[in-house]
């Protein structure tokens, strides 16, 4: 067995191996070695794993550093492990619809005159916009239940109509506010 392939025998030798490897990759600290040490699960070694191995499995770490950094003419950086993007966890019980599918559902709800589904699927409007549209339709003498439901939903979402019923809250209240 050549001197190059011998496993490190003492902690001092492992420190020397680490120092030599840092110099070879042009790094400044131990963590710079992580990119060159592949893991069996894919990607390169995490810096916490490097520290843990240094304390608990120093001889194994030394042999990995020798194999992948020191014995190589030009050490290659390992590609990072593929990870899911943040926020990409999809719930299995939740259905997702495209915009076109939602518009189709809204049209079906309008055809069947399902007020609850219409309000659920309709794009949300601000309270001010809903109020303005409703007052405008009242002044024109047009009774539009969809505008009333849009206003009511907006007002409820802001907490203005909590605890009130349709009979207690009249359209004339809108013009006075």
Protein backbone atom coordinates (compact mmCIF):
# COMPACT_ATOMS: atom_id res chain seq x y z
CA UNK A 1 0.00 0.00 0.00
CA UNK A 2 1.50 3.36 -0.99
CA UNK A 3 1.84 6.24 1.45
CA UNK A 4 -0.86 8.12 -0.45
CA UNK A 5 -3.51 5.39 -0.02
CA UNK A 6 -2.94 4.65 3.67
CA UNK A 7 -5.79 5.61 5.99
CA UNK A 8 -5.02 8.38 8.49
CA UNK A 9 -3.92 6.99 11.84
CA UNK A 10 -4.25 9.89 14.24
CA UNK A 11 -6.31 13.01 14.66
CA UNK A 12 -3.25 15.09 13.84
CA UNK A 13 -2.91 13.29 10.51
CA UNK A 14 -6.62 13.95 9.79
CA UNK A 15 -6.12 17.65 10.52
CA UNK A 16 -3.16 17.58 8.11
CA UNK A 17 -5.33 15.86 5.47
CA UNK A 18 -8.06 18.47 5.93
CA UNK A 19 -5.55 21.33 5.71
CA UNK A 20 -4.00 19.86 2.55
CA UNK A 21 -7.43 19.38 1.00
CA UNK A 22 -8.46 22.97 1.79
CA UNK A 23 -5.30 24.22 0.07
CA UNK A 24 -5.87 21.95 -2.94
CA UNK A 25 -9.43 23.21 -3.56
CA UNK A 26 -8.40 26.80 -2.87
CA UNK A 27 -10.71 27.15 0.10
CA UNK A 28 -10.44 29.06 3.32
CA UNK A 29 -12.21 26.80 5.81
CA UNK A 30 -13.34 23.20 6.35
CA UNK A 31 -16.82 23.87 5.02
CA UNK A 32 -15.30 24.54 1.57
CA UNK A 33 -14.54 20.82 1.31
CA UNK A 34 -18.20 19.81 1.47
CA UNK A 35 -18.85 20.55 -2.21
CA UNK A 36 -16.28 17.94 -3.23
CA UNK A 37 -17.53 15.08 -1.04
CA UNK A 38 -20.45 13.13 -2.58
CA UNK A 39 -23.09 11.48 -0.45
CA UNK A 40 -24.80 8.15 -1.17
CA UNK A 41 -28.21 9.87 -0.94
CA UNK A 42 -27.22 12.30 -3.70
CA UNK A 43 -25.64 15.71 -3.70
CA UNK A 44 -22.69 16.80 -1.64
CA UNK A 45 -21.99 16.53 2.09
CA UNK A 46 -23.70 18.98 4.42
CA UNK A 47 -21.36 20.99 6.63
CA UNK A 48 -23.04 19.60 9.76
CA UNK A 49 -22.29 16.07 8.54
CA UNK A 50 -18.66 17.04 7.97
CA UNK A 51 -18.34 18.31 11.55
CA UNK A 52 -20.09 15.23 12.95
CA UNK A 53 -17.84 12.87 11.00
CA UNK A 54 -14.77 14.80 12.10
CA UNK A 55 -15.67 14.14 15.74
CA UNK A 56 -17.24 10.66 15.53
CA UNK A 57 -15.76 9.04 12.41
CA UNK A 58 -12.51 10.90 11.74
CA UNK A 59 -10.78 8.04 9.94
CA UNK A 60 -13.70 7.56 7.53
CA UNK A 61 -13.77 11.31 6.84
CA UNK A 62 -10.03 11.27 6.22
CA UNK A 63 -10.36 8.45 3.68
CA UNK A 64 -13.23 10.28 1.91
CA UNK A 65 -11.17 13.47 1.68
CA UNK A 66 -8.18 11.53 0.36
CA UNK A 67 -10.30 9.63 -2.19
CA UNK A 68 -12.28 12.56 -3.60
CA UNK A 69 -9.90 15.50 -3.16
CA UNK A 70 -6.26 14.68 -2.48
CA UNK A 71 -5.86 11.72 -4.85
CA UNK A 72 -7.60 13.53 -7.70
CA UNK A 73 -5.57 15.69 -10.06
CA UNK A 74 -8.40 18.20 -10.25
CA UNK A 75 -11.17 17.60 -7.70
CA UNK A 76 -14.67 17.99 -9.15
CA UNK A 77 -17.43 19.78 -7.29
CA UNK A 78 -20.48 17.58 -6.77
CA UNK A 79 -23.83 18.83 -8.09
CA UNK A 80 -26.23 19.79 -5.30
CA UNK A 81 -29.07 17.48 -4.39
CA UNK A 82 -32.34 18.29 -6.13
CA UNK A 83 -34.79 19.71 -3.65
CA UNK A 84 -38.40 20.74 -3.93
CA UNK A 85 -39.03 24.45 -4.12
CA UNK A 86 -40.29 26.13 -0.98
CA UNK A 87 -44.02 26.13 -0.67
CA UNK A 88 -44.45 23.37 -3.19
CA UNK A 89 -46.02 20.89 -0.81
CA UNK A 90 -49.35 19.98 -2.30
CA UNK A 91 -52.17 18.77 -0.17
CA UNK A 92 -53.61 15.51 -1.39
CA UNK A 93 -57.17 16.33 -0.35
CA UNK A 94 -57.23 19.76 -2.01
CA UNK A 95 -58.24 20.13 -5.65
CA UNK A 96 -56.65 22.83 -7.78
CA UNK A 97 -58.32 24.39 -10.79
CA UNK A 98 -56.99 26.45 -13.65
CA UNK A 99 -58.48 29.88 -14.32
CA UNK A 100 -60.38 28.51 -17.32
CA UNK A 101 -61.85 25.67 -15.24
CA UNK A 102 -62.97 28.14 -12.56
CA UNK A 103 -64.66 30.31 -15.20
CA UNK A 104 -66.48 27.24 -16.54
CA UNK A 105 -67.64 26.32 -13.04
CA UNK A 106 -68.81 29.91 -12.49
CA UNK A 107 -70.81 29.81 -15.74
CA UNK A 108 -72.42 26.50 -14.70
CA UNK A 109 -73.30 28.00 -11.30
CA UNK A 110 -74.85 31.04 -13.03
CA UNK A 111 -76.89 28.77 -15.34
CA UNK A 112 -78.26 26.84 -12.36
CA UNK A 113 -78.72 30.08 -10.38
CA UNK A 114 -76.71 28.71 -7.43
CA UNK A 115 -76.02 31.90 -5.42
CA UNK A 116 -73.66 30.24 -2.95
CA UNK A 117 -71.46 28.76 -5.70
CA UNK A 118 -71.55 32.03 -7.65
CA UNK A 119 -70.29 33.99 -4.65
CA UNK A 120 -67.71 31.33 -3.89
CA UNK A 121 -66.31 31.20 -7.43
CA UNK A 122 -66.64 34.89 -8.34
CA UNK A 123 -63.52 37.01 -8.18
CA UNK A 124 -63.44 38.91 -4.91
CA UNK A 125 -64.11 42.64 -5.12
CA UNK A 126 -63.18 45.27 -2.59
CA UNK A 127 -65.88 46.62 -0.30
CA UNK A 128 -65.67 50.07 -1.89
CA UNK A 129 -66.06 48.68 -5.42
CA UNK A 130 -68.98 46.45 -4.43
CA UNK A 131 -70.69 49.37 -2.65
CA UNK A 132 -70.16 51.71 -5.61
CA UNK A 133 -71.53 49.16 -8.09
CA UNK A 134 -74.54 48.38 -5.90
CA UNK A 135 -75.45 52.07 -5.34
CA UNK A 136 -75.05 52.74 -9.06
CA UNK A 137 -77.43 49.92 -9.95
CA UNK A 138 -79.97 51.13 -7.36
CA UNK A 139 -79.86 54.67 -8.80
CA UNK A 140 -80.48 53.22 -12.25
CA UNK A 141 -83.46 51.31 -10.88
CA UNK A 142 -81.86 47.92 -11.50
CA UNK A 143 -82.12 45.18 -8.90
CA UNK A 144 -79.05 42.97 -9.23
CA UNK A 145 -78.84 40.21 -6.67
CA UNK A 146 -75.27 39.34 -7.69
CA UNK A 147 -74.15 42.86 -6.76
CA UNK A 148 -75.99 42.56 -3.44
CA UNK A 149 -74.29 39.23 -2.69
CA UNK A 150 -70.90 40.64 -3.71
CA UNK A 151 -71.41 43.60 -1.36
CA UNK A 152 -72.65 41.39 1.45
CA UNK A 153 -69.68 39.02 1.07
CA UNK A 154 -67.19 41.91 1.04
CA UNK A 155 -68.81 43.49 4.08
CA UNK A 156 -68.79 40.17 5.95
CA UNK A 157 -65.13 39.62 5.15
CA UNK A 158 -64.34 43.00 6.69
CA UNK A 159 -66.52 42.21 9.72
CA UNK A 160 -69.16 44.91 9.09
CA UNK A 161 -72.13 42.56 8.92
CA UNK A 162 -71.38 40.07 11.65
CA UNK A 163 -74.48 39.09 13.54
CA UNK A 164 -76.89 40.79 11.14
CA UNK A 165 -79.50 39.19 8.95
CA UNK A 166 -80.63 40.23 5.47
CA UNK A 167 -83.85 41.72 6.86
CA UNK A 168 -82.02 43.90 9.39
CA UNK A 169 -79.63 45.34 6.83
CA UNK A 170 -81.44 47.14 4.04
CA UNK A 171 -80.23 48.73 0.85
CA UNK A 172 -81.12 52.16 2.20
CA UNK A 173 -78.38 51.68 4.80
CA UNK A 174 -75.90 51.78 1.93
CA UNK A 175 -76.92 55.21 0.75
CA UNK A 176 -76.73 56.61 4.27
CA UNK A 177 -73.20 55.32 4.92
